[in-house]
Amino acid sequence: MEHRPSGGAGDTHVAGPAPKPPALDVPGPADVSAPADVQGPAAEAPAPAAEAPGRLLDPAEAGRLRDRWHEVQSGFVDDPREAVRRADGLASDAVDALGHAIAAHRRSLAEAAATDEPPDTERLRLALRGYRDLLHRVIDA
C-alpha cells in the first residue's frame, strides 16, 4: 500500500485543500462551515484562523494535565518510584481524556452531516473535509 503524506494531490480533489499541521483542539461548529460563494475545491482560499482546526483537548483540561505533570516532576527528587507511578496514572488519564475528546468531535461531525433534509453536496463535502481533518490530526499525533 502506498503511503501519501497529508496534503498530497489526492486530498484536493475530494474535499478541499489539505489541512494545516495538526493541533490538539476541538474546533467549534463554525469550523465546518464555508462561505456560500465557494464553488468547489479550486475556488477555496486558505481557511481563516477562526476556521482552522483547533486543539482536541479543552484548554482547561490540558491545563489540569500540565499542572499534574509539574507536580509529578517536582515529586521525583523526594520519591522517584512514586513519581513514576503517578506519571503512569497521569498518562492513562491523558489518553482517556484525548479519547473522549476525539469521540466528541466525531459525534459532532456525524450530527452535522445527518439531517432530515435532502443531501446537499456542499454540506456533505464539508463533512467529509471535517472527517479528513480529524483523521489527519489523529494519525499525525
N, C-alpha and C. Protein backbone atom coordinates (compact mmCIF):
# COMPACT_ATOMS: atom_id res chain seq x y z
N MET A 1 0.84 -1.18 0.00
CA MET A 1 0.00 0.00 0.00
C MET A 1 0.89 1.24 0.00
N GLU A 2 0.61 2.16 -0.89
CA GLU A 2 1.41 3.37 -1.00
C GLU A 2 1.02 4.36 0.08
N HIS A 3 1.99 4.96 0.73
CA HIS A 3 1.74 5.97 1.75
C HIS A 3 1.91 7.34 1.14
N ARG A 4 0.86 8.14 1.23
CA ARG A 4 0.94 9.51 0.76
C ARG A 4 0.92 10.44 1.93
N PRO A 5 1.86 11.37 2.05
CA PRO A 5 1.83 12.31 3.17
C PRO A 5 0.60 13.19 3.07
N SER A 6 0.09 13.64 4.22
CA SER A 6 -1.07 14.51 4.21
C SER A 6 -0.74 15.74 3.39
N GLY A 7 -1.76 16.24 2.70
CA GLY A 7 -1.55 17.41 1.87
C GLY A 7 -1.16 17.02 0.46
N GLY A 8 -1.21 15.72 0.13
CA GLY A 8 -0.86 15.29 -1.22
C GLY A 8 -1.93 15.69 -2.20
N ALA A 9 -1.64 15.53 -3.48
CA ALA A 9 -2.56 15.95 -4.52
C ALA A 9 -3.90 15.26 -4.42
N GLY A 10 -3.96 14.04 -3.93
CA GLY A 10 -5.23 13.33 -3.83
C GLY A 10 -6.20 13.99 -2.87
N ASP A 11 -5.73 14.72 -1.90
CA ASP A 11 -6.63 15.36 -0.93
C ASP A 11 -7.43 16.49 -1.56
N THR A 12 -6.87 17.21 -2.51
CA THR A 12 -7.52 18.41 -3.03
C THR A 12 -8.71 18.10 -3.90
N HIS A 13 -8.79 16.92 -4.50
CA HIS A 13 -9.87 16.62 -5.41
C HIS A 13 -11.13 16.13 -4.71
N VAL A 14 -11.02 15.60 -3.53
CA VAL A 14 -12.17 15.03 -2.85
C VAL A 14 -12.85 16.04 -1.94
N ALA A 15 -12.10 16.71 -1.12
CA ALA A 15 -12.77 17.51 -0.09
C ALA A 15 -12.03 18.80 0.22
N GLY A 16 -11.46 19.45 -0.75
CA GLY A 16 -10.86 20.75 -0.49
C GLY A 16 -9.38 20.66 -0.21
N PRO A 17 -8.80 21.78 0.20
CA PRO A 17 -7.36 21.82 0.41
C PRO A 17 -6.93 20.98 1.60
N ALA A 18 -5.68 20.58 1.58
CA ALA A 18 -5.14 19.79 2.67
C ALA A 18 -5.13 20.60 3.96
N PRO A 19 -5.28 19.94 5.10
CA PRO A 19 -5.29 20.66 6.37
C PRO A 19 -3.89 21.16 6.73
N LYS A 20 -3.87 22.16 7.59
CA LYS A 20 -2.61 22.63 8.15
C LYS A 20 -2.10 21.56 9.11
N PRO A 21 -0.84 21.63 9.55
CA PRO A 21 -0.35 20.63 10.51
C PRO A 21 -1.29 20.53 11.70
N PRO A 22 -1.48 19.33 12.25
CA PRO A 22 -2.46 19.13 13.31
C PRO A 22 -2.10 19.85 14.60
N ALA A 23 -3.15 20.32 15.24
CA ALA A 23 -3.05 20.86 16.59
C ALA A 23 -3.97 19.96 17.42
N LEU A 24 -4.00 20.12 18.70
CA LEU A 24 -4.80 19.23 19.52
C LEU A 24 -5.95 19.95 20.21
N ASP A 25 -6.84 20.54 19.44
CA ASP A 25 -8.02 21.21 19.98
C ASP A 25 -9.27 20.79 19.24
N VAL A 26 -10.40 20.98 19.84
CA VAL A 26 -11.66 20.66 19.22
C VAL A 26 -12.20 21.91 18.54
N PRO A 27 -12.41 21.87 17.21
CA PRO A 27 -12.97 23.03 16.56
C PRO A 27 -14.44 23.18 16.91
N GLY A 28 -14.91 24.39 16.90
CA GLY A 28 -16.31 24.66 17.18
C GLY A 28 -17.17 24.45 15.96
N PRO A 29 -18.51 24.65 16.07
CA PRO A 29 -19.42 24.45 14.96
C PRO A 29 -19.08 25.32 13.75
N ALA A 30 -18.53 26.50 13.95
CA ALA A 30 -18.19 27.38 12.84
C ALA A 30 -17.09 26.79 11.98
N ASP A 31 -16.36 25.81 12.50
CA ASP A 31 -15.24 25.24 11.78
C ASP A 31 -15.66 24.35 10.62
N VAL A 32 -16.91 23.95 10.54
CA VAL A 32 -17.34 23.07 9.46
C VAL A 32 -18.17 23.82 8.43
N SER A 33 -18.25 25.13 8.50
CA SER A 33 -19.00 25.88 7.51
C SER A 33 -18.05 26.60 6.58
N ALA A 34 -18.55 26.94 5.40
CA ALA A 34 -17.76 27.67 4.42
C ALA A 34 -18.63 28.75 3.83
N PRO A 35 -18.03 29.78 3.28
CA PRO A 35 -18.81 30.84 2.66
C PRO A 35 -19.69 30.27 1.55
N ALA A 36 -20.89 30.84 1.37
CA ALA A 36 -21.83 30.36 0.37
C ALA A 36 -21.30 30.52 -1.04
N ASP A 37 -20.38 31.47 -1.26
CA ASP A 37 -19.89 31.73 -2.60
C ASP A 37 -18.75 30.80 -3.02
N VAL A 38 -18.34 29.87 -2.17
CA VAL A 38 -17.28 28.93 -2.52
C VAL A 38 -17.84 27.95 -3.54
N GLN A 39 -17.17 27.81 -4.67
CA GLN A 39 -17.66 26.97 -5.75
C GLN A 39 -16.75 25.78 -5.99
N GLY A 40 -16.43 25.04 -4.99
CA GLY A 40 -15.62 23.84 -5.16
C GLY A 40 -14.21 24.01 -4.66
N PRO A 41 -13.44 22.94 -4.68
CA PRO A 41 -12.09 22.93 -4.10
C PRO A 41 -11.15 23.95 -4.71
N ALA A 42 -11.20 24.16 -6.02
CA ALA A 42 -10.25 25.08 -6.64
C ALA A 42 -10.51 26.52 -6.22
N ALA A 43 -11.73 26.85 -5.86
CA ALA A 43 -12.08 28.22 -5.50
C ALA A 43 -11.80 28.53 -4.05
N GLU A 44 -11.45 27.52 -3.26
CA GLU A 44 -11.26 27.75 -1.83
C GLU A 44 -9.94 28.44 -1.54
N ALA A 45 -10.03 29.45 -0.71
CA ALA A 45 -8.82 30.11 -0.19
C ALA A 45 -8.46 29.42 1.11
N PRO A 46 -7.25 29.60 1.60
CA PRO A 46 -6.90 29.01 2.90
C PRO A 46 -7.89 29.47 3.97
N ALA A 47 -8.24 28.56 4.86
CA ALA A 47 -9.20 28.88 5.91
C ALA A 47 -8.63 29.93 6.84
N PRO A 48 -9.47 30.92 7.24
CA PRO A 48 -9.00 31.89 8.22
C PRO A 48 -8.72 31.20 9.54
N ALA A 49 -7.98 31.86 10.40
CA ALA A 49 -7.59 31.27 11.68
C ALA A 49 -8.80 30.79 12.47
N ALA A 50 -9.93 31.51 12.39
CA ALA A 50 -11.12 31.13 13.15
C ALA A 50 -11.69 29.80 12.65
N GLU A 51 -11.39 29.40 11.38
CA GLU A 51 -11.93 28.17 10.86
C GLU A 51 -10.91 27.04 10.85
N ALA A 52 -9.68 27.30 11.24
CA ALA A 52 -8.66 26.27 11.26
C ALA A 52 -8.95 25.30 12.40
N PRO A 53 -8.59 24.02 12.19
CA PRO A 53 -8.81 23.06 13.27
C PRO A 53 -8.07 23.50 14.53
N GLY A 54 -8.72 23.35 15.64
CA GLY A 54 -8.10 23.75 16.88
C GLY A 54 -7.59 22.55 17.64
N ARG A 55 -7.39 22.73 18.92
CA ARG A 55 -6.87 21.66 19.77
C ARG A 55 -7.97 20.66 20.09
N LEU A 56 -7.59 19.41 20.23
CA LEU A 56 -8.57 18.38 20.58
C LEU A 56 -8.98 18.46 22.04
N LEU A 57 -8.02 18.73 22.93
CA LEU A 57 -8.34 18.83 24.36
C LEU A 57 -8.81 20.23 24.70
N ASP A 58 -9.80 20.29 25.57
CA ASP A 58 -10.26 21.56 26.11
C ASP A 58 -9.10 22.24 26.82
N PRO A 59 -8.91 23.55 26.64
CA PRO A 59 -7.78 24.22 27.29
C PRO A 59 -7.73 24.03 28.81
N ALA A 60 -8.88 23.99 29.46
CA ALA A 60 -8.90 23.78 30.91
C ALA A 60 -8.39 22.38 31.26
N GLU A 61 -8.81 21.38 30.47
CA GLU A 61 -8.35 20.01 30.71
C GLU A 61 -6.85 19.91 30.45
N ALA A 62 -6.38 20.51 29.38
CA ALA A 62 -4.94 20.50 29.08
C ALA A 62 -4.17 21.17 30.21
N GLY A 63 -4.69 22.26 30.75
CA GLY A 63 -4.03 22.94 31.87
C GLY A 63 -3.96 22.07 33.11
N ARG A 64 -5.05 21.34 33.39
CA ARG A 64 -5.04 20.43 34.55
C ARG A 64 -3.99 19.33 34.37
N LEU A 65 -3.91 18.80 33.16
CA LEU A 65 -2.92 17.75 32.91
C LEU A 65 -1.50 18.30 33.05
N ARG A 66 -1.25 19.51 32.56
CA ARG A 66 0.08 20.11 32.71
C ARG A 66 0.41 20.36 34.17
N ASP A 67 -0.57 20.85 34.94
CA ASP A 67 -0.34 21.09 36.37
C ASP A 67 0.00 19.79 37.08
N ARG A 68 -0.73 18.73 36.75
CA ARG A 68 -0.44 17.43 37.37
C ARG A 68 0.96 16.96 36.99
N TRP A 69 1.36 17.19 35.73
CA TRP A 69 2.69 16.78 35.30
C TRP A 69 3.77 17.50 36.10
N HIS A 70 3.57 18.80 36.32
CA HIS A 70 4.55 19.57 37.10
C HIS A 70 4.65 19.02 38.53
N GLU A 71 3.52 18.62 39.10
CA GLU A 71 3.53 18.02 40.44
C GLU A 71 4.30 16.69 40.43
N VAL A 72 4.08 15.89 39.38
CA VAL A 72 4.79 14.61 39.27
C VAL A 72 6.29 14.86 39.18
N GLN A 73 6.69 15.78 38.33
CA GLN A 73 8.11 16.07 38.18
C GLN A 73 8.74 16.56 39.47
N SER A 74 8.04 17.45 40.15
CA SER A 74 8.62 18.01 41.37
C SER A 74 8.72 16.96 42.48
N GLY A 75 7.92 15.91 42.44
CA GLY A 75 7.97 14.86 43.45
C GLY A 75 9.05 13.82 43.21
N PHE A 76 9.69 13.86 42.05
CA PHE A 76 10.68 12.84 41.71
C PHE A 76 11.86 12.83 42.67
N VAL A 77 12.34 13.99 43.07
CA VAL A 77 13.52 14.07 43.94
C VAL A 77 13.24 13.38 45.27
N ASP A 78 12.06 13.59 45.84
CA ASP A 78 11.73 13.01 47.14
C ASP A 78 11.37 11.53 47.06
N ASP A 79 10.68 11.12 46.00
CA ASP A 79 10.22 9.73 45.89
C ASP A 79 10.11 9.34 44.41
N PRO A 80 11.22 8.94 43.81
CA PRO A 80 11.22 8.63 42.38
C PRO A 80 10.22 7.54 41.98
N ARG A 81 10.13 6.49 42.78
CA ARG A 81 9.20 5.40 42.45
C ARG A 81 7.76 5.89 42.43
N GLU A 82 7.38 6.68 43.43
CA GLU A 82 6.02 7.23 43.48
C GLU A 82 5.79 8.19 42.31
N ALA A 83 6.80 8.96 41.95
CA ALA A 83 6.66 9.89 40.82
C ALA A 83 6.39 9.13 39.53
N VAL A 84 7.08 8.02 39.33
CA VAL A 84 6.86 7.21 38.12
C VAL A 84 5.47 6.58 38.15
N ARG A 85 5.03 6.12 39.32
CA ARG A 85 3.67 5.57 39.45
C ARG A 85 2.63 6.63 39.11
N ARG A 86 2.82 7.83 39.64
CA ARG A 86 1.89 8.93 39.35
C ARG A 86 1.94 9.35 37.88
N ALA A 87 3.13 9.28 37.26
CA ALA A 87 3.26 9.61 35.84
C ALA A 87 2.47 8.62 34.99
N ASP A 88 2.51 7.36 35.38
CA ASP A 88 1.74 6.34 34.66
C ASP A 88 0.24 6.63 34.76
N GLY A 89 -0.22 6.97 35.95
CA GLY A 89 -1.63 7.32 36.13
C GLY A 89 -2.03 8.55 35.33
N LEU A 90 -1.14 9.53 35.31
CA LEU A 90 -1.40 10.75 34.54
C LEU A 90 -1.46 10.44 33.05
N ALA A 91 -0.54 9.61 32.56
CA ALA A 91 -0.56 9.24 31.14
C ALA A 91 -1.86 8.52 30.80
N SER A 92 -2.31 7.65 31.67
CA SER A 92 -3.57 6.94 31.46
C SER A 92 -4.74 7.93 31.40
N ASP A 93 -4.78 8.88 32.33
CA ASP A 93 -5.84 9.88 32.34
C ASP A 93 -5.80 10.75 31.09
N ALA A 94 -4.60 11.10 30.62
CA ALA A 94 -4.46 11.93 29.42
C ALA A 94 -4.96 11.18 28.19
N VAL A 95 -4.63 9.89 28.08
CA VAL A 95 -5.11 9.09 26.95
C VAL A 95 -6.63 9.00 26.98
N ASP A 96 -7.20 8.78 28.16
CA ASP A 96 -8.66 8.72 28.29
C ASP A 96 -9.30 10.05 27.88
N ALA A 97 -8.74 11.17 28.35
CA ALA A 97 -9.28 12.49 28.02
C ALA A 97 -9.21 12.74 26.52
N LEU A 98 -8.11 12.35 25.90
CA LEU A 98 -7.96 12.53 24.46
C LEU A 98 -8.96 11.65 23.70
N GLY A 99 -9.14 10.43 24.15
CA GLY A 99 -10.12 9.54 23.52
C GLY A 99 -11.53 10.11 23.59
N HIS A 100 -11.90 10.65 24.75
CA HIS A 100 -13.23 11.26 24.90
C HIS A 100 -13.37 12.49 24.00
N ALA A 101 -12.31 13.29 23.89
CA ALA A 101 -12.35 14.49 23.05
C ALA A 101 -12.49 14.12 21.58
N ILE A 102 -11.76 13.10 21.14
CA ILE A 102 -11.85 12.66 19.74
C ILE A 102 -13.24 12.11 19.46
N ALA A 103 -13.79 11.33 20.37
CA ALA A 103 -15.13 10.77 20.19
C ALA A 103 -16.18 11.88 20.13
N ALA A 104 -16.04 12.89 20.96
CA ALA A 104 -16.98 14.01 20.94
C ALA A 104 -16.90 14.77 19.62
N HIS A 105 -15.69 14.95 19.12
CA HIS A 105 -15.52 15.64 17.84
C HIS A 105 -16.14 14.82 16.70
N ARG A 106 -15.94 13.51 16.73
CA ARG A 106 -16.52 12.64 15.71
C ARG A 106 -18.05 12.69 15.76
N ARG A 107 -18.60 12.70 16.98
CA ARG A 107 -20.06 12.80 17.12
C ARG A 107 -20.58 14.11 16.54
N SER A 108 -19.85 15.22 16.77
CA SER A 108 -20.30 16.50 16.23
C SER A 108 -20.26 16.50 14.71
N LEU A 109 -19.27 15.83 14.12
CA LEU A 109 -19.22 15.71 12.66
C LEU A 109 -20.40 14.88 12.15
N ALA A 110 -20.70 13.78 12.83
CA ALA A 110 -21.80 12.91 12.42
C ALA A 110 -23.13 13.65 12.53
N GLU A 111 -23.32 14.42 13.59
CA GLU A 111 -24.56 15.17 13.76
C GLU A 111 -24.71 16.25 12.71
N ALA A 112 -23.61 16.90 12.35
CA ALA A 112 -23.65 17.95 11.33
C ALA A 112 -24.00 17.37 9.96
N ALA A 113 -23.56 16.14 9.68
CA ALA A 113 -23.80 15.52 8.38
C ALA A 113 -25.18 14.87 8.30
N ALA A 114 -25.75 14.47 9.42
CA ALA A 114 -27.02 13.75 9.44
C ALA A 114 -28.16 14.72 9.70
N THR A 115 -28.90 15.02 8.65
CA THR A 115 -30.09 15.86 8.80
C THR A 115 -31.23 15.20 8.05
N ASP A 116 -32.45 15.70 8.27
CA ASP A 116 -33.62 15.16 7.57
C ASP A 116 -33.78 15.79 6.19
N GLU A 117 -32.94 16.78 5.89
CA GLU A 117 -33.03 17.47 4.60
C GLU A 117 -32.43 16.60 3.50
N PRO A 118 -32.83 16.86 2.23
CA PRO A 118 -32.21 16.12 1.12
C PRO A 118 -30.70 16.38 1.10
N PRO A 119 -29.93 15.41 0.60
CA PRO A 119 -28.48 15.58 0.58
C PRO A 119 -28.06 16.86 -0.15
N ASP A 120 -27.18 17.60 0.44
CA ASP A 120 -26.62 18.82 -0.13
C ASP A 120 -25.14 18.54 -0.34
N THR A 121 -24.71 18.54 -1.59
CA THR A 121 -23.34 18.16 -1.90
C THR A 121 -22.32 19.02 -1.15
N GLU A 122 -22.57 20.31 -1.05
CA GLU A 122 -21.61 21.18 -0.36
C GLU A 122 -21.52 20.83 1.12
N ARG A 123 -22.66 20.59 1.77
CA ARG A 123 -22.67 20.22 3.19
C ARG A 123 -21.94 18.89 3.38
N LEU A 124 -22.18 17.94 2.49
CA LEU A 124 -21.52 16.64 2.59
C LEU A 124 -20.02 16.77 2.31
N ARG A 125 -19.63 17.63 1.39
CA ARG A 125 -18.21 17.86 1.11
C ARG A 125 -17.53 18.42 2.34
N LEU A 126 -18.18 19.36 3.01
CA LEU A 126 -17.62 19.95 4.23
C LEU A 126 -17.52 18.91 5.34
N ALA A 127 -18.52 18.03 5.43
CA ALA A 127 -18.47 16.97 6.43
C ALA A 127 -17.30 16.04 6.15
N LEU A 128 -17.12 15.67 4.88
CA LEU A 128 -16.00 14.80 4.52
C LEU A 128 -14.67 15.47 4.83
N ARG A 129 -14.58 16.77 4.58
CA ARG A 129 -13.36 17.51 4.89
C ARG A 129 -13.12 17.52 6.41
N GLY A 130 -14.19 17.65 7.19
CA GLY A 130 -14.05 17.61 8.65
C GLY A 130 -13.53 16.26 9.12
N TYR A 131 -14.05 15.17 8.55
CA TYR A 131 -13.55 13.84 8.90
C TYR A 131 -12.08 13.69 8.48
N ARG A 132 -11.75 14.17 7.30
CA ARG A 132 -10.36 14.08 6.84
C ARG A 132 -9.43 14.83 7.79
N ASP A 133 -9.82 16.03 8.18
CA ASP A 133 -9.00 16.82 9.10
C ASP A 133 -8.83 16.10 10.44
N LEU A 134 -9.91 15.53 10.96
CA LEU A 134 -9.82 14.79 12.23
C LEU A 134 -8.89 13.60 12.09
N LEU A 135 -9.04 12.83 11.01
CA LEU A 135 -8.18 11.66 10.82
C LEU A 135 -6.72 12.06 10.67
N HIS A 136 -6.45 13.12 9.94
CA HIS A 136 -5.06 13.57 9.81
C HIS A 136 -4.49 13.97 11.16
N ARG A 137 -5.29 14.65 11.97
CA ARG A 137 -4.81 15.07 13.28
C ARG A 137 -4.52 13.87 14.17
N VAL A 138 -5.37 12.83 14.09
CA VAL A 138 -5.16 11.63 14.90
C VAL A 138 -3.94 10.86 14.39
N ILE A 139 -3.85 10.68 13.10
CA ILE A 139 -2.75 9.90 12.52
C ILE A 139 -1.41 10.59 12.73
N ASP A 140 -1.40 11.92 12.61
CA ASP A 140 -0.14 12.67 12.73
C ASP A 140 0.25 12.94 14.18
N ALA A 141 -0.61 12.58 15.13
CA ALA A 141 -0.31 12.86 16.54
C ALA A 141 0.80 11.99 17.05
